[in-house]
């Protein structure tokens, strides 16, 4: 089944891949798969497909299940749990649940730094996502926006030094800086009366 799903995904036949993934997950649950990690891997793929199909609420639910499953198996200080937290927080952010995303990322970042070090891609992604959850939130304070800009600038400098300027994470960070600065400037500038 996974070979079929991989082929369908590669061919961008996401609706068909979804059917196969749902069947595979159902089968694994039905046979009480001895390896919960297998179920979590299929659920992760399922969440990716939901995202590709624009089914954000369903993706969020699955991402949450995967995160808590990884947390239960591995604990917070494991790369699989950290990756699941990043994915879950990304889904929360996409749906405008900024406070929840920030809370999860604040818990994840110290663990990621301890386990992976300050220059790991997951640490860069966690910091970038945290900053996005700050500056994209309409209820962000000026201090929140300043923190977002500072976080992005610092993380981008480090990512550029470690990963290089052409790395996708560095490119995303560099692209987010002007967005965050523009939002901060707009909020700092009082409206003109006219």
N, C-alpha and C. Protein backbone atom coordinates (compact mmCIF):
# COMPACT_ATOMS: atom_id res chain seq x y z
N UNK A 1 0.81 -1.19 0.00
CA UNK A 1 0.00 0.00 0.00
C UNK A 1 0.86 1.26 0.00
N UNK A 2 1.94 1.22 0.76
CA UNK A 2 2.76 2.42 0.86
C UNK A 2 3.45 2.72 -0.47
N UNK A 3 3.76 1.70 -1.26
CA UNK A 3 4.36 1.92 -2.58
C UNK A 3 3.36 2.62 -3.49
N UNK A 4 2.12 2.17 -3.45
CA UNK A 4 1.06 2.79 -4.25
C UNK A 4 0.86 4.24 -3.82
N UNK A 5 0.81 4.47 -2.52
CA UNK A 5 0.62 5.82 -2.00
C UNK A 5 1.77 6.73 -2.41
N UNK A 6 2.99 6.22 -2.34
CA UNK A 6 4.16 7.01 -2.74
C UNK A 6 4.08 7.39 -4.21
N UNK A 7 3.70 6.45 -5.05
CA UNK A 7 3.56 6.72 -6.48
C UNK A 7 2.48 7.75 -6.77
N UNK A 8 1.35 7.62 -6.10
CA UNK A 8 0.26 8.58 -6.30
C UNK A 8 0.66 9.97 -5.82
N UNK A 9 1.34 10.03 -4.71
CA UNK A 9 1.79 11.32 -4.19
C UNK A 9 2.79 11.96 -5.15
N UNK A 10 3.73 11.16 -5.65
CA UNK A 10 4.72 11.67 -6.59
C UNK A 10 4.05 12.18 -7.87
N UNK A 11 2.96 11.55 -8.26
CA UNK A 11 2.22 11.96 -9.45
C UNK A 11 1.21 13.07 -9.14
N UNK A 12 1.25 13.56 -7.90
CA UNK A 12 0.35 14.61 -7.42
C UNK A 12 -1.12 14.23 -7.57
N UNK A 13 -1.40 12.97 -7.38
CA UNK A 13 -2.77 12.45 -7.36
C UNK A 13 -3.19 12.35 -5.89
N UNK A 14 -3.35 13.51 -5.26
CA UNK A 14 -3.51 13.57 -3.81
C UNK A 14 -4.82 12.95 -3.33
N UNK A 15 -5.90 13.15 -4.05
CA UNK A 15 -7.18 12.56 -3.62
C UNK A 15 -7.08 11.04 -3.62
N UNK A 16 -6.43 10.48 -4.64
CA UNK A 16 -6.26 9.04 -4.71
C UNK A 16 -5.31 8.54 -3.63
N UNK A 17 -4.24 9.30 -3.38
CA UNK A 17 -3.29 8.94 -2.33
C UNK A 17 -3.98 8.95 -0.97
N UNK A 18 -4.88 9.90 -0.78
CA UNK A 18 -5.61 9.99 0.48
C UNK A 18 -6.42 8.72 0.73
N UNK A 19 -7.07 8.23 -0.31
CA UNK A 19 -7.86 7.01 -0.17
C UNK A 19 -6.97 5.84 0.27
N UNK A 20 -5.81 5.73 -0.33
CA UNK A 20 -4.88 4.65 0.03
C UNK A 20 -4.38 4.84 1.47
N UNK A 21 -4.04 6.08 1.84
CA UNK A 21 -3.54 6.34 3.18
C UNK A 21 -4.60 6.02 4.24
N UNK A 22 -5.83 6.43 3.97
CA UNK A 22 -6.91 6.14 4.92
C UNK A 22 -7.12 4.64 5.06
N UNK A 23 -7.04 3.90 3.95
CA UNK A 23 -7.18 2.45 3.99
C UNK A 23 -6.03 1.81 4.77
N UNK A 24 -4.83 2.30 4.54
CA UNK A 24 -3.66 1.76 5.24
C UNK A 24 -3.77 2.01 6.74
N UNK A 25 -4.18 3.22 7.12
CA UNK A 25 -4.34 3.53 8.54
C UNK A 25 -5.41 2.66 9.17
N UNK A 26 -6.51 2.48 8.47
CA UNK A 26 -7.59 1.62 8.96
C UNK A 26 -7.10 0.19 9.16
N UNK A 27 -6.34 -0.31 8.19
CA UNK A 27 -5.82 -1.66 8.28
C UNK A 27 -4.87 -1.80 9.48
N UNK A 28 -3.97 -0.83 9.65
CA UNK A 28 -3.02 -0.89 10.77
C UNK A 28 -3.75 -0.88 12.11
N UNK A 29 -4.79 -0.09 12.20
CA UNK A 29 -5.56 -0.04 13.45
C UNK A 29 -6.33 -1.34 13.66
N UNK A 30 -6.87 -1.87 12.59
CA UNK A 30 -7.67 -3.10 12.67
C UNK A 30 -6.83 -4.29 13.13
N UNK A 31 -5.61 -4.37 12.63
CA UNK A 31 -4.75 -5.49 13.02
C UNK A 31 -3.95 -5.16 14.27
N UNK A 32 -4.26 -4.03 14.89
CA UNK A 32 -3.56 -3.58 16.10
C UNK A 32 -2.05 -3.67 15.88
N UNK A 33 -1.61 -2.88 14.93
CA UNK A 33 -0.19 -2.87 14.56
C UNK A 33 0.69 -2.85 15.80
N UNK A 34 1.62 -3.79 15.87
CA UNK A 34 2.47 -3.86 17.05
C UNK A 34 3.38 -2.63 17.18
N UNK A 35 3.58 -1.97 16.10
CA UNK A 35 4.49 -0.83 16.08
C UNK A 35 3.69 0.45 15.91
N UNK A 36 3.45 1.15 17.02
CA UNK A 36 2.69 2.40 16.97
C UNK A 36 3.38 3.41 16.06
N UNK A 37 4.71 3.28 15.93
CA UNK A 37 5.44 4.21 15.06
C UNK A 37 4.95 4.09 13.61
N UNK A 38 4.54 2.90 13.19
CA UNK A 38 4.00 2.72 11.84
C UNK A 38 2.73 3.53 11.66
N UNK A 39 1.87 3.49 12.66
CA UNK A 39 0.63 4.26 12.60
C UNK A 39 0.94 5.75 12.56
N UNK A 40 1.87 6.20 13.36
CA UNK A 40 2.23 7.62 13.39
C UNK A 40 2.81 8.07 12.05
N UNK A 41 3.60 7.22 11.42
CA UNK A 41 4.18 7.56 10.11
C UNK A 41 3.08 7.71 9.07
N UNK A 42 2.12 6.79 9.08
CA UNK A 42 1.00 6.88 8.13
C UNK A 42 0.15 8.11 8.43
N UNK A 43 -0.07 8.39 9.70
CA UNK A 43 -0.84 9.58 10.06
C UNK A 43 -0.13 10.85 9.61
N UNK A 44 1.19 10.88 9.72
CA UNK A 44 1.94 12.05 9.28
C UNK A 44 1.75 12.26 7.78
N UNK A 45 1.84 11.19 7.00
CA UNK A 45 1.61 11.28 5.55
C UNK A 45 0.19 11.73 5.26
N UNK A 46 -0.75 11.23 6.02
CA UNK A 46 -2.16 11.60 5.86
C UNK A 46 -2.35 13.09 6.09
N UNK A 47 -1.72 13.62 7.13
CA UNK A 47 -1.82 15.06 7.41
C UNK A 47 -1.24 15.89 6.27
N UNK A 48 -0.12 15.45 5.71
CA UNK A 48 0.47 16.15 4.56
C UNK A 48 -0.50 16.18 3.39
N UNK A 49 -1.17 15.08 3.15
CA UNK A 49 -2.12 15.01 2.04
C UNK A 49 -3.33 15.89 2.31
N UNK A 50 -3.82 15.89 3.54
CA UNK A 50 -4.93 16.79 3.88
C UNK A 50 -4.53 18.25 3.59
N UNK A 51 -3.31 18.62 3.95
CA UNK A 51 -2.84 19.98 3.68
C UNK A 51 -2.83 20.28 2.18
N UNK A 52 -2.32 19.33 1.40
CA UNK A 52 -2.25 19.53 -0.04
C UNK A 52 -3.64 19.67 -0.65
N UNK A 53 -4.64 19.06 -0.02
CA UNK A 53 -6.01 19.14 -0.50
C UNK A 53 -6.78 20.31 0.12
N UNK A 54 -6.09 21.10 0.96
CA UNK A 54 -6.74 22.26 1.58
C UNK A 54 -7.65 21.91 2.73
N UNK A 55 -7.53 20.73 3.26
CA UNK A 55 -8.38 20.27 4.37
C UNK A 55 -7.63 20.53 5.69
N UNK A 56 -7.55 21.81 6.05
CA UNK A 56 -6.69 22.26 7.15
C UNK A 56 -7.13 21.75 8.52
N UNK A 57 -8.44 21.75 8.77
CA UNK A 57 -8.95 21.29 10.07
C UNK A 57 -8.61 19.81 10.28
N UNK A 58 -8.78 19.01 9.24
CA UNK A 58 -8.48 17.59 9.36
C UNK A 58 -6.98 17.38 9.55
N UNK A 59 -6.18 18.16 8.84
CA UNK A 59 -4.72 18.07 9.00
C UNK A 59 -4.34 18.41 10.44
N UNK A 60 -4.95 19.44 11.00
CA UNK A 60 -4.66 19.85 12.37
C UNK A 60 -4.95 18.71 13.34
N UNK A 61 -6.09 18.07 13.20
CA UNK A 61 -6.44 16.97 14.10
C UNK A 61 -5.43 15.84 14.04
N UNK A 62 -5.02 15.49 12.84
CA UNK A 62 -4.04 14.41 12.68
C UNK A 62 -2.68 14.83 13.21
N UNK A 63 -2.27 16.08 12.92
CA UNK A 63 -0.98 16.58 13.42
C UNK A 63 -0.95 16.53 14.96
N UNK A 64 -2.07 16.89 15.57
CA UNK A 64 -2.17 16.85 17.03
C UNK A 64 -1.99 15.41 17.53
N UNK A 65 -2.67 14.46 16.89
CA UNK A 65 -2.54 13.05 17.28
C UNK A 65 -1.09 12.56 17.14
N UNK A 66 -0.45 12.93 16.05
CA UNK A 66 0.93 12.51 15.82
C UNK A 66 1.85 13.11 16.90
N UNK A 67 1.67 14.39 17.18
CA UNK A 67 2.50 15.03 18.20
C UNK A 67 2.36 14.33 19.55
N UNK A 68 1.11 14.14 19.99
CA UNK A 68 0.92 13.51 21.30
C UNK A 68 1.35 12.05 21.30
N UNK A 69 1.23 11.38 20.16
CA UNK A 69 1.74 10.01 20.05
C UNK A 69 3.25 9.97 20.19
N UNK A 70 3.93 10.88 19.49
CA UNK A 70 5.40 10.95 19.59
C UNK A 70 5.83 11.33 21.00
N UNK A 71 5.12 12.27 21.59
CA UNK A 71 5.43 12.71 22.94
C UNK A 71 5.34 11.54 23.92
N UNK A 72 4.30 10.73 23.76
CA UNK A 72 4.10 9.58 24.64
C UNK A 72 5.21 8.53 24.46
N UNK A 73 5.59 8.28 23.22
CA UNK A 73 6.61 7.25 22.93
C UNK A 73 8.01 7.72 23.27
N UNK A 74 8.36 8.93 22.81
CA UNK A 74 9.75 9.38 22.87
C UNK A 74 10.04 10.43 23.95
N UNK A 75 9.01 11.14 24.40
CA UNK A 75 9.26 12.28 25.27
C UNK A 75 9.57 13.51 24.45
N UNK A 76 9.65 14.65 25.11
CA UNK A 76 9.83 15.94 24.43
C UNK A 76 11.22 16.06 23.80
N UNK A 77 12.21 15.39 24.38
CA UNK A 77 13.59 15.56 23.91
C UNK A 77 13.98 14.48 22.90
N UNK A 78 13.26 14.44 21.81
CA UNK A 78 13.56 13.50 20.73
C UNK A 78 13.27 14.20 19.41
N UNK A 79 14.09 13.95 18.42
CA UNK A 79 13.94 14.66 17.14
C UNK A 79 12.57 14.40 16.48
N UNK A 80 12.03 13.18 16.63
CA UNK A 80 10.71 12.89 16.04
C UNK A 80 9.61 13.72 16.72
N UNK A 81 9.72 13.87 18.03
CA UNK A 81 8.74 14.67 18.76
C UNK A 81 8.87 16.14 18.38
N UNK A 82 10.09 16.60 18.25
CA UNK A 82 10.32 18.00 17.87
C UNK A 82 9.77 18.27 16.48
N UNK A 83 10.01 17.36 15.54
CA UNK A 83 9.47 17.52 14.18
C UNK A 83 7.95 17.52 14.21
N UNK A 84 7.36 16.64 15.02
CA UNK A 84 5.90 16.59 15.12
C UNK A 84 5.35 17.88 15.73
N UNK A 85 6.07 18.44 16.70
CA UNK A 85 5.64 19.70 17.31
C UNK A 85 5.68 20.84 16.29
N UNK A 86 6.72 20.86 15.47
CA UNK A 86 6.83 21.89 14.43
C UNK A 86 5.65 21.78 13.45
N UNK A 87 5.35 20.56 13.04
CA UNK A 87 4.24 20.34 12.12
C UNK A 87 2.91 20.74 12.74
N UNK A 88 2.69 20.36 13.99
CA UNK A 88 1.46 20.69 14.70
C UNK A 88 1.33 22.21 14.86
N UNK A 89 2.41 22.86 15.27
CA UNK A 89 2.38 24.31 15.45
C UNK A 89 2.13 25.01 14.11
N UNK A 90 2.70 24.48 13.03
CA UNK A 90 2.45 25.06 11.71
C UNK A 90 0.98 24.99 11.33
N UNK A 91 0.33 23.88 11.66
CA UNK A 91 -1.10 23.75 11.37
C UNK A 91 -1.92 24.70 12.24
N UNK A 92 -1.54 24.82 13.51
CA UNK A 92 -2.22 25.78 14.38
C UNK A 92 -2.11 27.19 13.81
N UNK A 93 -0.92 27.56 13.38
CA UNK A 93 -0.70 28.90 12.83
C UNK A 93 -1.53 29.12 11.57
N UNK A 94 -1.54 28.13 10.69
CA UNK A 94 -2.32 28.26 9.44
C UNK A 94 -3.79 28.55 9.71
N UNK A 95 -4.29 28.01 10.81
CA UNK A 95 -5.70 28.19 11.16
C UNK A 95 -5.92 29.38 12.08
N UNK A 96 -4.88 30.20 12.27
CA UNK A 96 -5.02 31.42 13.08
C UNK A 96 -5.02 31.18 14.57
N UNK A 97 -4.59 30.01 15.01
CA UNK A 97 -4.53 29.70 16.44
C UNK A 97 -3.13 30.03 16.94
N UNK A 98 -2.83 31.34 16.88
CA UNK A 98 -1.48 31.82 17.14
C UNK A 98 -1.01 31.59 18.57
N UNK A 99 -1.89 31.85 19.52
CA UNK A 99 -1.52 31.69 20.93
C UNK A 99 -1.13 30.24 21.21
N UNK A 100 -1.92 29.29 20.71
CA UNK A 100 -1.63 27.88 20.92
C UNK A 100 -0.31 27.49 20.24
N UNK A 101 -0.10 28.01 19.03
CA UNK A 101 1.14 27.71 18.31
C UNK A 101 2.35 28.22 19.10
N UNK A 102 2.26 29.46 19.57
CA UNK A 102 3.38 30.03 20.33
C UNK A 102 3.65 29.25 21.61
N UNK A 103 2.60 28.85 22.29
CA UNK A 103 2.76 28.08 23.53
C UNK A 103 3.49 26.77 23.27
N UNK A 104 3.09 26.06 22.23
CA UNK A 104 3.74 24.80 21.87
C UNK A 104 5.20 25.04 21.48
N UNK A 105 5.45 26.07 20.71
CA UNK A 105 6.82 26.35 20.25
C UNK A 105 7.72 26.79 21.40
N UNK A 106 7.16 27.53 22.36
CA UNK A 106 7.95 27.93 23.54
C UNK A 106 8.38 26.72 24.35
N UNK A 107 7.54 25.66 24.39
CA UNK A 107 7.91 24.43 25.09
C UNK A 107 8.91 23.62 24.28
N UNK A 108 8.79 23.68 22.96
CA UNK A 108 9.61 22.84 22.09
C UNK A 108 11.01 23.39 21.92
N UNK A 109 11.15 24.70 21.82
CA UNK A 109 12.46 25.29 21.51
C UNK A 109 13.56 24.91 22.50
N UNK A 110 13.34 25.01 23.80
CA UNK A 110 14.43 24.63 24.71
C UNK A 110 14.84 23.16 24.55
N UNK A 111 13.87 22.29 24.34
CA UNK A 111 14.20 20.87 24.14
C UNK A 111 14.98 20.68 22.85
N UNK A 112 14.57 21.36 21.79
CA UNK A 112 15.27 21.25 20.51
C UNK A 112 16.70 21.74 20.64
N UNK A 113 16.89 22.83 21.35
CA UNK A 113 18.24 23.37 21.52
C UNK A 113 19.12 22.43 22.33
N UNK A 114 18.54 21.83 23.39
CA UNK A 114 19.32 20.89 24.22
C UNK A 114 19.70 19.64 23.43
N UNK A 115 18.75 19.10 22.69
CA UNK A 115 18.95 17.83 22.00
C UNK A 115 19.75 18.00 20.71
N UNK A 116 19.44 19.03 19.95
CA UNK A 116 19.99 19.17 18.60
C UNK A 116 21.06 20.25 18.46
N UNK A 117 21.12 21.16 19.40
CA UNK A 117 22.06 22.27 19.31
C UNK A 117 21.43 23.46 18.61
N UNK A 118 22.03 24.63 18.82
CA UNK A 118 21.47 25.89 18.31
C UNK A 118 21.49 26.02 16.79
N UNK A 119 22.26 25.18 16.11
CA UNK A 119 22.40 25.37 14.66
C UNK A 119 21.73 24.26 13.85
N UNK A 120 20.81 23.54 14.46
CA UNK A 120 20.09 22.49 13.74
C UNK A 120 18.91 23.11 12.99
N UNK A 121 18.56 22.51 11.86
CA UNK A 121 17.45 23.01 11.04
C UNK A 121 16.14 23.09 11.83
N UNK A 122 15.88 22.11 12.70
CA UNK A 122 14.64 22.14 13.48
C UNK A 122 14.60 23.35 14.41
N UNK A 123 15.75 23.75 14.93
CA UNK A 123 15.80 24.93 15.80
C UNK A 123 15.51 26.18 14.96
N UNK A 124 16.09 26.26 13.78
CA UNK A 124 15.80 27.39 12.90
C UNK A 124 14.31 27.43 12.54
N UNK A 125 13.75 26.28 12.20
CA UNK A 125 12.33 26.21 11.83
C UNK A 125 11.43 26.59 13.01
N UNK A 126 11.78 26.13 14.21
CA UNK A 126 11.00 26.45 15.39
C UNK A 126 11.00 27.95 15.66
N UNK A 127 12.17 28.55 15.58
CA UNK A 127 12.28 30.00 15.82
C UNK A 127 11.55 30.80 14.75
N UNK A 128 11.68 30.38 13.50
CA UNK A 128 11.00 31.07 12.41
C UNK A 128 9.49 30.98 12.57
N UNK A 129 9.00 29.81 12.87
CA UNK A 129 7.56 29.60 13.05
C UNK A 129 7.03 30.40 14.23
N UNK A 130 7.81 30.46 15.30
CA UNK A 130 7.43 31.25 16.47
C UNK A 130 7.29 32.73 16.08
N UNK A 131 8.27 33.24 15.35
CA UNK A 131 8.22 34.65 14.92
C UNK A 131 7.01 34.89 14.01
N UNK A 132 6.73 33.95 13.11
CA UNK A 132 5.55 34.10 12.24
C UNK A 132 4.27 34.13 13.07
N UNK A 133 4.19 33.28 14.10
CA UNK A 133 3.00 33.25 14.95
C UNK A 133 2.86 34.53 15.75
N UNK A 134 3.94 35.28 15.89
CA UNK A 134 3.86 36.59 16.52
C UNK A 134 3.39 37.65 15.52
N UNK A 135 4.11 37.80 14.40
CA UNK A 135 3.81 38.92 13.52
C UNK A 135 2.54 38.74 12.69
N UNK A 136 2.09 37.51 12.49
CA UNK A 136 0.85 37.30 11.74
C UNK A 136 -0.40 37.47 12.59
N UNK A 137 -0.22 37.55 13.90
CA UNK A 137 -1.35 37.68 14.83
C UNK A 137 -1.77 39.14 14.91
N UNK A 138 -3.00 39.42 14.52
CA UNK A 138 -3.51 40.80 14.54
C UNK A 138 -3.55 41.39 15.96
N UNK A 139 -3.57 40.53 16.97
CA UNK A 139 -3.61 41.04 18.34
C UNK A 139 -2.21 41.19 18.95
N UNK A 140 -1.17 41.02 18.14
CA UNK A 140 0.20 41.14 18.64
C UNK A 140 0.46 42.57 19.12
N UNK A 141 1.19 42.66 20.22
CA UNK A 141 1.58 43.97 20.74
C UNK A 141 2.81 44.46 19.97
N UNK A 142 3.16 45.72 20.19
CA UNK A 142 4.39 46.24 19.58
C UNK A 142 5.61 45.44 20.06
N UNK A 143 5.61 45.08 21.33
CA UNK A 143 6.72 44.27 21.84
C UNK A 143 6.78 42.90 21.16
N UNK A 144 5.61 42.31 20.91
CA UNK A 144 5.57 41.02 20.19
C UNK A 144 6.18 41.18 18.80
N UNK A 145 5.80 42.27 18.12
CA UNK A 145 6.30 42.50 16.76
C UNK A 145 7.80 42.76 16.76
N UNK A 146 8.27 43.50 17.75
CA UNK A 146 9.72 43.73 17.87
C UNK A 146 10.45 42.41 18.13
N UNK A 147 9.86 41.57 18.97
CA UNK A 147 10.46 40.26 19.25
C UNK A 147 10.51 39.42 17.97
N UNK A 148 9.45 39.47 17.17
CA UNK A 148 9.41 38.71 15.92
C UNK A 148 10.53 39.16 14.98
N UNK A 149 10.68 40.47 14.82
CA UNK A 149 11.72 40.99 13.93
C UNK A 149 13.10 40.60 14.44
N UNK A 150 13.34 40.78 15.73
CA UNK A 150 14.65 40.45 16.30
C UNK A 150 14.95 38.95 16.17
N UNK A 151 13.94 38.12 16.41
CA UNK A 151 14.11 36.67 16.29
C UNK A 151 14.45 36.28 14.87
N UNK A 152 13.73 36.85 13.91
CA UNK A 152 13.99 36.53 12.50
C UNK A 152 15.37 37.00 12.07
N UNK A 153 15.74 38.21 12.46
CA UNK A 153 17.05 38.74 12.05
C UNK A 153 18.18 37.88 12.61
N UNK A 154 18.10 37.56 13.89
CA UNK A 154 19.15 36.75 14.52
C UNK A 154 19.20 35.34 13.93
N UNK A 155 18.04 34.74 13.75
CA UNK A 155 17.99 33.37 13.21
C UNK A 155 18.46 33.34 11.77
N UNK A 156 18.11 34.34 10.99
CA UNK A 156 18.54 34.41 9.59
C UNK A 156 20.06 34.54 9.49
N UNK A 157 20.65 35.38 10.35
CA UNK A 157 22.12 35.53 10.34
C UNK A 157 22.80 34.20 10.62
N UNK A 158 22.31 33.51 11.64
CA UNK A 158 22.92 32.22 12.01
C UNK A 158 22.69 31.18 10.91
N UNK A 159 21.48 31.13 10.38
CA UNK A 159 21.18 30.16 9.32
C UNK A 159 22.03 30.42 8.08
N UNK A 160 22.22 31.68 7.73
CA UNK A 160 23.05 32.02 6.57
C UNK A 160 24.49 31.55 6.79
N UNK A 161 24.99 31.74 8.00
CA UNK A 161 26.36 31.33 8.32
C UNK A 161 26.49 29.80 8.31
N UNK A 162 25.50 29.11 8.85
CA UNK A 162 25.59 27.65 9.00
C UNK A 162 25.14 26.91 7.75
N UNK A 163 24.02 27.33 7.16
CA UNK A 163 23.43 26.60 6.04
C UNK A 163 23.75 27.20 4.68
N UNK A 164 24.11 28.47 4.67
CA UNK A 164 24.34 29.16 3.40
C UNK A 164 23.10 29.93 2.98
N UNK A 165 23.31 30.92 2.14
CA UNK A 165 22.23 31.81 1.72
C UNK A 165 21.18 31.17 0.82
N UNK A 166 21.53 30.09 0.14
CA UNK A 166 20.59 29.47 -0.79
C UNK A 166 19.75 28.37 -0.16
N UNK A 167 20.04 28.00 1.08
CA UNK A 167 19.27 26.94 1.73
C UNK A 167 17.82 27.39 1.90
N UNK A 168 16.86 26.48 1.68
CA UNK A 168 15.44 26.86 1.78
C UNK A 168 15.06 27.52 3.11
N UNK A 169 15.62 27.06 4.21
CA UNK A 169 15.29 27.68 5.50
C UNK A 169 15.81 29.11 5.55
N UNK A 170 17.00 29.33 5.07
CA UNK A 170 17.56 30.69 5.05
C UNK A 170 16.73 31.59 4.15
N UNK A 171 16.30 31.07 3.03
CA UNK A 171 15.48 31.85 2.09
C UNK A 171 14.15 32.24 2.74
N UNK A 172 13.52 31.30 3.43
CA UNK A 172 12.24 31.59 4.12
C UNK A 172 12.46 32.65 5.19
N UNK A 173 13.50 32.48 5.99
CA UNK A 173 13.79 33.47 7.03
C UNK A 173 14.01 34.86 6.43
N UNK A 174 14.82 34.92 5.38
CA UNK A 174 15.10 36.21 4.74
C UNK A 174 13.83 36.83 4.16
N UNK A 175 12.93 36.01 3.67
CA UNK A 175 11.66 36.52 3.13
C UNK A 175 10.70 36.99 4.20
N UNK A 176 10.80 36.42 5.39
CA UNK A 176 9.90 36.81 6.48
C UNK A 176 10.31 38.13 7.14
N UNK A 177 11.59 38.46 7.08
CA UNK A 177 12.06 39.67 7.75
C UNK A 177 11.36 40.93 7.21
N UNK A 178 11.31 41.16 5.88
CA UNK A 178 10.63 42.37 5.42
C UNK A 178 9.14 42.39 5.76
N UNK A 179 8.51 41.23 5.78
CA UNK A 179 7.08 41.17 6.15
C UNK A 179 6.90 41.61 7.60
N UNK A 180 7.71 41.06 8.48
CA UNK A 180 7.61 41.41 9.91
C UNK A 180 7.94 42.88 10.13
N UNK A 181 8.98 43.37 9.45
CA UNK A 181 9.35 44.79 9.60
C UNK A 181 8.22 45.70 9.12
N UNK A 182 7.60 45.34 8.01
CA UNK A 182 6.52 46.17 7.46
C UNK A 182 5.33 46.23 8.43
N UNK A 183 5.01 45.11 9.03
CA UNK A 183 3.90 45.09 9.99
C UNK A 183 4.26 45.92 11.21
N UNK A 184 5.49 45.81 11.68
CA UNK A 184 5.94 46.60 12.82
C UNK A 184 5.89 48.09 12.49
N UNK A 185 6.42 48.48 11.32
CA UNK A 185 6.41 49.90 10.92
C UNK A 185 4.98 50.43 10.84
N UNK A 186 4.10 49.64 10.27
CA UNK A 186 2.70 50.08 10.13
C UNK A 186 2.05 50.29 11.50
N UNK A 187 2.39 49.45 12.45
CA UNK A 187 1.80 49.58 13.78
C UNK A 187 2.45 50.72 14.59
N UNK A 188 3.75 51.00 14.31
CA UNK A 188 4.44 52.08 15.02
C UNK A 188 4.05 53.44 14.50
N UNK A 189 3.64 53.51 13.24
CA UNK A 189 3.31 54.78 12.61
C UNK A 189 1.86 55.11 12.88
N UNK A 190 1.62 56.24 13.55
CA UNK A 190 0.21 56.59 13.83
C UNK A 190 -0.50 56.96 12.52
N UNK A 191 -1.77 56.62 12.44
CA UNK A 191 -2.51 56.97 11.22
C UNK A 191 -2.62 58.49 11.06
N UNK A 192 -2.55 58.95 9.83
CA UNK A 192 -2.69 60.39 9.56
C UNK A 192 -4.17 60.72 9.45
N UNK A 193 -4.51 61.86 10.00
CA UNK A 193 -5.92 62.27 9.91
C UNK A 193 -6.09 63.11 8.64
N UNK A 194 -7.23 62.96 8.04
CA UNK A 194 -7.38 63.67 6.77
C UNK A 194 -8.72 63.88 6.40
